[in-house]
Amino acid sequence: MVEREPSFDRGHKLLTKEIREKLLPLYGGEAQGLAVEAQVKFFTPDSNWIWYASEFDGENIFFGLVSGHEVELGCFSLSEIQEVRGPRGLPIERDLHFKATTLQELQEQHRRDG
């Protein structure tokens, strides 16, 4: 991934008020484990990296599933999502048509599809 100055207009917000309200607080989904639902999907249009968020600290840190070199659960930051660019310089975008899906389903899908 290449880091560049954010200058591209995506035509949409990465994180709307509605999405913020649906995300659990950070660590709020621990009891549910993989049954917790990701509420938002971010992706690079010029590579295979995908970030699914189920929790948010309200400022910068998400928790969710990341599919890149590996499929793993962990934290990632809004600032990273806003700044990082794919190999062709394209910014990360939000999937406008994503429907809430459990982390379990997403993990299985990405491991199956490779």
C-alpha atoms as a PDB file:
ATOM      1  CA  MET A   1       0.000   0.000   0.000  1.00  0.00           C
ATOM      2  CA  VAL A   2       1.138   3.519  -0.756  1.00  0.00           C
ATOM      3  CA  GLU A   3       0.548   6.455   1.596  1.00  0.00           C
ATOM      4  CA  ARG A   4      -0.292   9.745  -0.092  1.00  0.00           C
ATOM      5  CA  GLU A   5      -1.955  12.992   0.751  1.00  0.00           C
ATOM      6  CA  PRO A   6      -5.751  12.603   0.775  1.00  0.00           C
ATOM      7  CA  SER A   7      -6.860  14.624  -2.246  1.00  0.00           C
ATOM      8  CA  PHE A   8      -9.354  12.355  -3.998  1.00  0.00           C
ATOM      9  CA  ASP A   9     -13.064  13.099  -3.679  1.00  0.00           C
ATOM     10  CA  ARG A  10     -14.802   9.741  -3.193  1.00  0.00           C
ATOM     11  CA  GLY A  11     -18.221  11.272  -3.718  1.00  0.00           C
ATOM     12  CA  HIS A  12     -19.351   9.831  -0.382  1.00  0.00           C
ATOM     13  CA  LYS A  13     -18.352   9.866   3.278  1.00  0.00           C
ATOM     14  CA  LEU A  14     -16.349   6.949   4.597  1.00  0.00           C
ATOM     15  CA  LEU A  15     -18.201   7.046   7.899  1.00  0.00           C
ATOM     16  CA  THR A  16     -21.698   8.502   8.132  1.00  0.00           C
ATOM     17  CA  LYS A  17     -23.607   9.338  11.288  1.00  0.00           C
ATOM     18  CA  GLU A  18     -25.945   6.405  10.588  1.00  0.00           C
ATOM     19  CA  ILE A  19     -23.052   3.950  10.389  1.00  0.00           C
ATOM     20  CA  ARG A  20     -21.434   5.398  13.531  1.00  0.00           C
ATOM     21  CA  GLU A  21     -24.679   4.780  15.407  1.00  0.00           C
ATOM     22  CA  LYS A  22     -24.809   1.123  14.285  1.00  0.00           C
ATOM     23  CA  LEU A  23     -21.226   0.302  15.274  1.00  0.00           C
ATOM     24  CA  LEU A  24     -20.756  -1.158  18.738  1.00  0.00           C
ATOM     25  CA  PRO A  25     -18.394   0.642  21.102  1.00  0.00           C
ATOM     26  CA  LEU A  26     -14.855  -0.739  21.074  1.00  0.00           C
ATOM     27  CA  TYR A  27     -14.855  -4.097  22.949  1.00  0.00           C
ATOM     28  CA  GLY A  28     -18.671  -4.000  22.984  1.00  0.00           C
ATOM     29  CA  GLY A  29     -18.946  -7.185  20.941  1.00  0.00           C
ATOM     30  CA  GLU A  30     -16.580  -9.379  22.967  1.00  0.00           C
ATOM     31  CA  ALA A  31     -19.399 -11.441  24.478  1.00  0.00           C
ATOM     32  CA  GLN A  32     -20.855 -12.156  21.012  1.00  0.00           C
ATOM     33  CA  GLY A  33     -17.529 -13.190  19.492  1.00  0.00           C
ATOM     34  CA  LEU A  34     -17.761 -13.888  15.762  1.00  0.00           C
ATOM     35  CA  ALA A  35     -21.561 -13.588  15.888  1.00  0.00           C
ATOM     36  CA  VAL A  36     -21.243  -9.788  16.012  1.00  0.00           C
ATOM     37  CA  GLU A  37     -22.165  -8.076  12.742  1.00  0.00           C
ATOM     38  CA  ALA A  38     -19.851  -5.911  10.688  1.00  0.00           C
ATOM     39  CA  GLN A  39     -21.738  -2.723   9.863  1.00  0.00           C
ATOM     40  CA  VAL A  40     -19.429  -1.265   7.228  1.00  0.00           C
ATOM     41  CA  LYS A  41     -17.064  -2.527   4.538  1.00  0.00           C
ATOM     42  CA  PHE A  42     -14.078  -0.570   3.219  1.00  0.00           C
ATOM     43  CA  PHE A  43     -12.073  -1.755   0.208  1.00  0.00           C
ATOM     44  CA  THR A  44      -9.324  -0.787  -2.199  1.00  0.00           C
ATOM     45  CA  PRO A  45     -10.654  -0.749  -5.769  1.00  0.00           C
ATOM     46  CA  ASP A  46      -7.181  -1.511  -7.127  1.00  0.00           C
ATOM     47  CA  SER A  47      -6.192  -4.422  -4.848  1.00  0.00           C
ATOM     48  CA  ASN A  48      -7.739  -7.203  -2.777  1.00  0.00           C
ATOM     49  CA  TRP A  49      -7.631  -5.545   0.660  1.00  0.00           C
ATOM     50  CA  ILE A  50     -10.948  -5.324   2.557  1.00  0.00           C
ATOM     51  CA  TRP A  51     -11.730  -4.008   6.046  1.00  0.00           C
ATOM     52  CA  TYR A  52     -15.010  -4.821   7.844  1.00  0.00           C
ATOM     53  CA  ALA A  53     -15.814  -2.872  11.013  1.00  0.00           C
ATOM     54  CA  SER A  54     -18.073  -4.059  13.820  1.00  0.00           C
ATOM     55  CA  GLU A  55     -16.835  -1.786  16.627  1.00  0.00           C
ATOM     56  CA  PHE A  56     -15.592   1.810  16.827  1.00  0.00           C
ATOM     57  CA  ASP A  57     -14.129   3.900  19.632  1.00  0.00           C
ATOM     58  CA  GLY A  58     -15.987   6.970  18.363  1.00  0.00           C
ATOM     59  CA  GLU A  59     -12.825   8.728  17.229  1.00  0.00           C
ATOM     60  CA  ASN A  60     -10.330   6.684  15.221  1.00  0.00           C
ATOM     61  CA  ILE A  61     -10.044   2.985  16.103  1.00  0.00           C
ATOM     62  CA  PHE A  62     -12.172   0.217  14.589  1.00  0.00           C
ATOM     63  CA  PHE A  63     -12.276  -3.476  15.417  1.00  0.00           C
ATOM     64  CA  GLY A  64     -13.281  -5.996  12.812  1.00  0.00           C
ATOM     65  CA  LEU A  65     -12.108  -8.382  10.134  1.00  0.00           C
ATOM     66  CA  VAL A  66      -9.342  -7.541   7.679  1.00  0.00           C
ATOM     67  CA  SER A  67      -8.760  -9.518   4.507  1.00  0.00           C
ATOM     68  CA  GLY A  68      -5.436  -8.789   2.843  1.00  0.00           C
ATOM     69  CA  HIS A  69      -2.399 -11.037   2.871  1.00  0.00           C
ATOM     70  CA  GLU A  70      -4.219 -12.999   5.599  1.00  0.00           C
ATOM     71  CA  VAL A  71      -7.760 -13.046   6.984  1.00  0.00           C
ATOM     72  CA  GLU A  72      -7.601 -11.837  10.573  1.00  0.00           C
ATOM     73  CA  LEU A  73      -9.469 -10.064  13.334  1.00  0.00           C
ATOM     74  CA  GLY A  74      -7.969  -6.898  14.724  1.00  0.00           C
ATOM     75  CA  CYS A  75      -7.959  -3.150  15.080  1.00  0.00           C
ATOM     76  CA  PHE A  76      -7.408  -0.615  12.324  1.00  0.00           C
ATOM     77  CA  SER A  77      -7.748   3.151  12.211  1.00  0.00           C
ATOM     78  CA  LEU A  78      -9.995   5.584  10.382  1.00  0.00           C
ATOM     79  CA  SER A  79      -6.952   7.777   9.716  1.00  0.00           C
ATOM     80  CA  GLU A  80      -5.268   4.823   7.978  1.00  0.00           C
ATOM     81  CA  ILE A  81      -8.383   4.182   5.876  1.00  0.00           C
ATOM     82  CA  GLN A  82      -8.472   7.864   4.884  1.00  0.00           C
ATOM     83  CA  GLU A  83      -4.781   8.148   3.980  1.00  0.00           C
ATOM     84  CA  VAL A  84      -3.644   4.833   2.495  1.00  0.00           C
ATOM     85  CA  ARG A  85      -3.788   4.305  -1.255  1.00  0.00           C
ATOM     86  CA  GLY A  86      -3.716   1.123  -3.289  1.00  0.00           C
ATOM     87  CA  PRO A  87      -0.938   0.259  -5.738  1.00  0.00           C
ATOM     88  CA  ARG A  88      -2.400   2.509  -8.456  1.00  0.00           C
ATOM     89  CA  GLY A  89      -2.926   5.405  -6.077  1.00  0.00           C
ATOM     90  CA  LEU A  90      -6.668   4.889  -5.614  1.00  0.00           C
ATOM     91  CA  PRO A  91      -8.111   5.664  -2.177  1.00  0.00           C
ATOM     92  CA  ILE A  92      -9.983   3.241   0.010  1.00  0.00           C
ATOM     93  CA  GLU A  93     -13.747   3.426  -0.479  1.00  0.00           C
ATOM     94  CA  ARG A  94     -16.840   2.369   1.437  1.00  0.00           C
ATOM     95  CA  ASP A  95     -19.065  -0.296  -0.110  1.00  0.00           C
ATOM     96  CA  LEU A  96     -22.327   1.621  -0.438  1.00  0.00           C
ATOM     97  CA  HIS A  97     -24.327  -1.599  -0.885  1.00  0.00           C
ATOM     98  CA  PHE A  98     -22.881  -3.636   2.004  1.00  0.00           C
ATOM     99  CA  LYS A  99     -25.438  -5.316   4.275  1.00  0.00           C
ATOM    100  CA  ALA A 100     -24.563  -6.099   7.895  1.00  0.00           C
ATOM    101  CA  THR A 101     -23.007  -9.570   8.064  1.00  0.00           C
ATOM    102  CA  THR A 102     -21.534 -11.553  10.956  1.00  0.00           C
ATOM    103  CA  LEU A 103     -17.777 -11.717  11.285  1.00  0.00           C
ATOM    104  CA  GLN A 104     -18.137 -15.514  11.233  1.00  0.00           C
ATOM    105  CA  GLU A 105     -19.790 -15.461   7.798  1.00  0.00           C
ATOM    106  CA  LEU A 106     -17.245 -12.999   6.431  1.00  0.00           C
ATOM    107  CA  GLN A 107     -14.307 -14.969   7.802  1.00  0.00           C
ATOM    108  CA  GLU A 108     -15.618 -18.212   6.300  1.00  0.00           C
ATOM    109  CA  GLN A 109     -16.295 -16.526   2.955  1.00  0.00           C
ATOM    110  CA  HIS A 110     -12.794 -15.061   2.670  1.00  0.00           C
ATOM    111  CA  ARG A 111     -11.052 -18.243   3.781  1.00  0.00           C
ATOM    112  CA  ARG A 112     -13.119 -20.280   1.318  1.00  0.00           C
ATOM    113  CA  ASP A 113     -12.661 -17.880  -1.589  1.00  0.00           C
ATOM    114  CA  GLY A 114      -8.974 -17.369  -0.820  1.00  0.00           C
END
